[in-house]
C-alpha atoms as a PDB file:
ATOM      1  CA  MET A   1      87.144  79.674 -17.766  1.00  0.00           C
ATOM      2  CA  THR A   2      85.034  76.996 -16.336  1.00  0.00           C
ATOM      3  CA  VAL A   3      84.303  75.528 -12.882  1.00  0.00           C
ATOM      4  CA  ILE A   4      82.993  72.215 -12.481  1.00  0.00           C
ATOM      5  CA  VAL A   5      82.320  70.539  -8.801  1.00  0.00           C
ATOM      6  CA  SER A   6      82.626  67.160  -8.772  1.00  0.00           C
ATOM      7  CA  LYS A   7      80.781  64.577  -6.374  1.00  0.00           C
ATOM      8  CA  ASP A   8      83.624  64.165  -3.931  1.00  0.00           C
ATOM      9  CA  ASN A   9      83.311  68.327  -3.273  1.00  0.00           C
ATOM     10  CA  LYS A  10      86.474  69.120  -5.535  1.00  0.00           C
ATOM     11  CA  ILE A  11      86.560  72.082  -7.746  1.00  0.00           C
ATOM     12  CA  ILE A  12      87.781  71.625 -10.946  1.00  0.00           C
ATOM     13  CA  VAL A  13      88.861  74.986 -12.506  1.00  0.00           C
ATOM     14  CA  SER A  14      89.804  74.762 -16.176  1.00  0.00           C
ATOM     15  CA  LYS A  15      91.466  77.361 -17.943  1.00  0.00           C
ATOM     16  CA  GLU A  16      93.280  77.734 -21.730  1.00  0.00           C
ATOM     17  CA  LYS A  17      94.180  74.163 -20.907  1.00  0.00           C
ATOM     18  CA  GLN A  18      95.536  73.985 -17.532  1.00  0.00           C
ATOM     19  CA  ILE A  19      93.633  72.138 -14.867  1.00  0.00           C
ATOM     20  CA  GLN A  20      93.513  73.174 -11.415  1.00  0.00           C
ATOM     21  CA  VAL A  21      92.168  70.797  -8.703  1.00  0.00           C
ATOM     22  CA  ILE A  22      91.207  72.857  -5.790  1.00  0.00           C
ATOM     23  CA  SER A  23      90.163  70.669  -2.582  1.00  0.00           C
ATOM     24  CA  VAL A  24      87.091  72.171  -0.201  1.00  0.00           C
ATOM     25  CA  ALA A  25      87.134  71.900   3.170  1.00  0.00           C
ATOM     26  CA  THR A  26      84.775  71.966   5.809  1.00  0.00           C
ATOM     27  CA  GLN A  27      84.464  74.937   8.007  1.00  0.00           C
ATOM     28  CA  GLY A  28      86.560  74.895  11.353  1.00  0.00           C
ATOM     29  CA  PRO A  29      85.274  75.620  15.011  1.00  0.00           C
ATOM     30  CA  PRO A  30      84.838  79.620  15.823  1.00  0.00           C
ATOM     31  CA  GLY A  31      88.068  81.300  16.908  1.00  0.00           C
ATOM     32  CA  PRO A  32      88.880  82.612  20.856  1.00  0.00           C
ATOM     33  CA  THR A  33      86.801  85.977  21.878  1.00  0.00           C
ATOM     34  CA  GLY A  34      88.958  88.962  21.156  1.00  0.00           C
ATOM     35  CA  PRO A  35      89.892  91.426  24.228  1.00  0.00           C
ATOM     36  CA  GLN A  36      86.971  93.419  25.869  1.00  0.00           C
ATOM     37  CA  GLY A  37      86.556  97.229  24.528  1.00  0.00           C
ATOM     38  CA  LEU A  38      86.872 100.423  27.045  1.00  0.00           C
ATOM     39  CA  PRO A  39      84.419 101.066  29.040  1.00  0.00           C
ATOM     40  CA  GLY A  40      81.281 102.947  28.426  1.00  0.00           C
ATOM     41  CA  GLU A  41      81.554 101.696  24.613  1.00  0.00           C
ATOM     42  CA  GLY A  42      79.130  99.137  24.819  1.00  0.00           C
ATOM     43  CA  SER A  43      77.452  99.118  21.700  1.00  0.00           C
ATOM     44  CA  GLY A  44      80.323  99.444  19.727  1.00  0.00           C
ATOM     45  CA  LEU A  45      78.148 101.927  17.571  1.00  0.00           C
ATOM     46  CA  ALA A  46      80.309 105.359  16.966  1.00  0.00           C
ATOM     47  CA  THR A  47      78.903 108.715  14.830  1.00  0.00           C
ATOM     48  CA  ARG A  48      80.946 108.570  11.976  1.00  0.00           C
ATOM     49  CA  VAL A  49      82.211 112.501  10.195  1.00  0.00           C
ATOM     50  CA  ASN A  50      84.013 112.975   7.100  1.00  0.00           C
ATOM     51  CA  PHE A  51      85.961 115.835   6.403  1.00  0.00           C
ATOM     52  CA  SER A  52      88.407 117.717   3.788  1.00  0.00           C
ATOM     53  CA  TYR A  53      90.209 120.624   3.302  1.00  0.00           C
ATOM     54  CA  GLY A  54      87.663 122.851   1.972  1.00  0.00           C
ATOM     55  CA  ASP A  55      85.183 122.453   4.189  1.00  0.00           C
ATOM     56  CA  ALA A  56      83.486 125.385   6.038  1.00  0.00           C
ATOM     57  CA  THR A  57      84.987 125.734   9.846  1.00  0.00           C
ATOM     58  CA  PRO A  58      84.019 125.529  11.995  1.00  0.00           C
ATOM     59  CA  SER A  59      82.075 122.489  11.212  1.00  0.00           C
ATOM     60  CA  SER A  60      79.272 120.700  13.667  1.00  0.00           C
ATOM     61  CA  LEU A  61      80.342 117.266  14.380  1.00  0.00           C
ATOM     62  CA  LEU A  62      77.605 116.448  17.385  1.00  0.00           C
ATOM     63  CA  ASN A  63      74.817 117.805  19.671  1.00  0.00           C
ATOM     64  CA  LEU A  64      76.343 116.474  22.918  1.00  0.00           C
ATOM     65  CA  ILE A  65      73.035 116.080  24.887  1.00  0.00           C
ATOM     66  CA  THR A  66      73.318 117.172  28.483  1.00  0.00           C
ATOM     67  CA  GLY A  67      73.634 113.523  30.549  1.00  0.00           C
ATOM     68  CA  LYS A  68      75.863 111.664  27.611  1.00  0.00           C
ATOM     69  CA  THR A  69      79.377 111.996  27.933  1.00  0.00           C
ATOM     70  CA  LEU A  70      81.643 111.934  25.014  1.00  0.00           C
ATOM     71  CA  ILE A  71      84.115 108.958  25.775  1.00  0.00           C
ATOM     72  CA  LYS A  72      86.665 109.098  22.752  1.00  0.00           C
ATOM     73  CA  LEU A  73      87.372 110.527  19.586  1.00  0.00           C
ATOM     74  CA  GLU A  74      89.129 108.742  16.820  1.00  0.00           C
ATOM     75  CA  VAL A  75      90.413 111.338  13.829  1.00  0.00           C
ATOM     76  CA  TYR A  76      91.710 109.452  10.688  1.00  0.00           C
ATOM     77  CA  ILE A  77      93.368 110.820   8.344  1.00  0.00           C
ATOM     78  CA  THR A  78      92.750 109.149   4.790  1.00  0.00           C
ATOM     79  CA  THR A  79      94.553 111.734   2.367  1.00  0.00           C
ATOM     80  CA  PRO A  80      97.434 113.880   3.913  1.00  0.00           C
ATOM     81  CA  PHE A  81      97.057 117.704   4.056  1.00  0.00           C
ATOM     82  CA  ASP A  82      99.316 119.610   2.016  1.00  0.00           C
ATOM     83  CA  GLY A  83     100.224 122.985   2.632  1.00  0.00           C
ATOM     84  CA  THR A  84     103.022 124.812   4.737  1.00  0.00           C
ATOM     85  CA  ASN A  85     101.701 123.950   8.440  1.00  0.00           C
ATOM     86  CA  PRO A  86      97.640 122.773   7.933  1.00  0.00           C
ATOM     87  CA  TYR A  87      96.191 121.301  11.490  1.00  0.00           C
ATOM     88  CA  PHE A  88      93.051 121.066  13.157  1.00  0.00           C
ATOM     89  CA  THR A  89      91.288 120.985  16.625  1.00  0.00           C
ATOM     90  CA  ILE A  90      88.110 119.761  17.971  1.00  0.00           C
ATOM     91  CA  GLY A  91      86.078 121.526  20.874  1.00  0.00           C
ATOM     92  CA  LYS A  92      83.222 123.496  21.835  1.00  0.00           C
ATOM     93  CA  THR A  93      82.324 127.308  21.226  1.00  0.00           C
ATOM     94  CA  GLY A  94      84.819 129.094  23.281  1.00  0.00           C
ATOM     95  CA  ASP A  95      87.496 126.293  23.645  1.00  0.00           C
ATOM     96  CA  SER A  96      88.505 125.160  20.175  1.00  0.00           C
ATOM     97  CA  THR A  97      90.941 122.796  21.491  1.00  0.00           C
ATOM     98  CA  LEU A  98      88.763 121.507  24.685  1.00  0.00           C
ATOM     99  CA  LEU A  99      88.748 117.617  23.470  1.00  0.00           C
ATOM    100  CA  MET A 100      91.678 117.740  20.866  1.00  0.00           C
ATOM    101  CA  ASN A 101      94.399 120.394  20.166  1.00  0.00           C
ATOM    102  CA  SER A 102      96.666 120.557  17.129  1.00  0.00           C
ATOM    103  CA  THR A 103      99.738 118.674  18.725  1.00  0.00           C
ATOM    104  CA  GLN A 104      97.657 115.447  19.468  1.00  0.00           C
ATOM    105  CA  SER A 105      98.065 114.868  15.462  1.00  0.00           C
ATOM    106  CA  ASP A 106      99.277 115.599  12.345  1.00  0.00           C
ATOM    107  CA  SER A 107      97.315 116.586   9.172  1.00  0.00           C
ATOM    108  CA  LYS A 108      99.951 116.228   6.472  1.00  0.00           C
ATOM    109  CA  THR A 109     100.180 112.072   7.683  1.00  0.00           C
ATOM    110  CA  ILE A 110      97.873 109.462   7.357  1.00  0.00           C
ATOM    111  CA  GLY A 111      97.087 107.855  10.371  1.00  0.00           C
ATOM    112  CA  GLN A 112      94.512 107.498  13.348  1.00  0.00           C
ATOM    113  CA  TYR A 113      94.845 109.947  16.497  1.00  0.00           C
ATOM    114  CA  ALA A 114      92.822 109.345  19.086  1.00  0.00           C
ATOM    115  CA  THR A 115      91.859 111.493  22.689  1.00  0.00           C
ATOM    116  CA  THR A 116      89.581 110.118  25.040  1.00  0.00           C
ATOM    117  CA  PRO A 117      88.338 113.453  26.807  1.00  0.00           C
ATOM    118  CA  LEU A 118      85.684 111.807  28.997  1.00  0.00           C
ATOM    119  CA  PHE A 119      83.790 114.997  28.407  1.00  0.00           C
ATOM    120  CA  SER A 120      80.608 116.023  29.821  1.00  0.00           C
ATOM    121  CA  SER A 121      78.271 119.105  30.123  1.00  0.00           C
ATOM    122  CA  ASN A 122      75.250 120.290  32.016  1.00  0.00           C
ATOM    123  CA  GLN A 123      73.753 121.644  29.198  1.00  0.00           C
ATOM    124  CA  ASP A 124      73.441 120.499  25.413  1.00  0.00           C
ATOM    125  CA  THR A 125      76.943 121.645  23.797  1.00  0.00           C
ATOM    126  CA  ILE A 126      77.585 121.439  19.838  1.00  0.00           C
ATOM    127  CA  ILE A 127      81.367 119.772  19.558  1.00  0.00           C
ATOM    128  CA  TYR A 128      82.796 121.715  16.212  1.00  0.00           C
ATOM    129  CA  LEU A 129      85.945 120.592  14.332  1.00  0.00           C
ATOM    130  CA  TYR A 130      88.167 123.983  13.540  1.00  0.00           C
ATOM    131  CA  LEU A 131      90.122 123.058  10.197  1.00  0.00           C
ATOM    132  CA  TYR A 132      93.032 125.754   9.311  1.00  0.00           C
ATOM    133  CA  PRO A 133      94.064 124.405   5.861  1.00  0.00           C
ATOM    134  CA  ASP A 134      96.340 127.022   5.350  1.00  0.00           C
ATOM    135  CA  PHE A 135      96.591 129.616   2.128  1.00  0.00           C
ATOM    136  CA  ASP A 136      98.436 126.967   0.077  1.00  0.00           C
ATOM    137  CA  THR A 137      96.676 123.681   0.953  1.00  0.00           C
ATOM    138  CA  ASN A 138      94.518 121.711  -2.230  1.00  0.00           C
ATOM    139  CA  ASN A 139      94.649 118.424  -0.505  1.00  0.00           C
ATOM    140  CA  GLY A 140      93.422 116.578   2.775  1.00  0.00           C
ATOM    141  CA  ALA A 141      90.922 114.279   3.810  1.00  0.00           C
ATOM    142  CA  GLY A 142      89.657 112.043   6.707  1.00  0.00           C
ATOM    143  CA  PHE A 143      87.047 111.233   9.164  1.00  0.00           C
ATOM    144  CA  ILE A 144      85.912 111.200  12.376  1.00  0.00           C
ATOM    145  CA  LEU A 145      84.464 108.695  15.068  1.00  0.00           C
ATOM    146  CA  ILE A 146      82.770 109.851  18.095  1.00  0.00           C
ATOM    147  CA  TYR A 147      82.050 107.822  21.223  1.00  0.00           C
ATOM    148  CA  THR A 148      79.248 108.559  23.691  1.00  0.00           C
ATOM    149  CA  SER A 149      77.613 107.003  26.454  1.00  0.00           C
END
């Protein structure tokens, strides 16, 4: 394939005796500003944690420091979990479903699942992912985005 740019800003592409002329345009003005995010997500930064069916459980996701608030959890299932009844929860020691229980997601279906727990504590708290892959689970993966303020 041969690419030639002419003086009048046209790109000529030659490919096996075929010639195609493509006009080059200048970039237009910026589009309108999109909608604002939820309060507390200021920077738009999140902690990302990957997980899969074979991970040790419970698995530490984040140490939520005293004075911080866990604003939102977004769980993305990228590879569906197989097996009879695999599921997961997100919580802390003593309350494994505090932030997301098993009915708030479907680990057998690709998708995004979110909660907005607005959880804070008067002491540092480790947030855990509890995986229950089932005896016949051989596949399944995803990632979690954790928003704090």
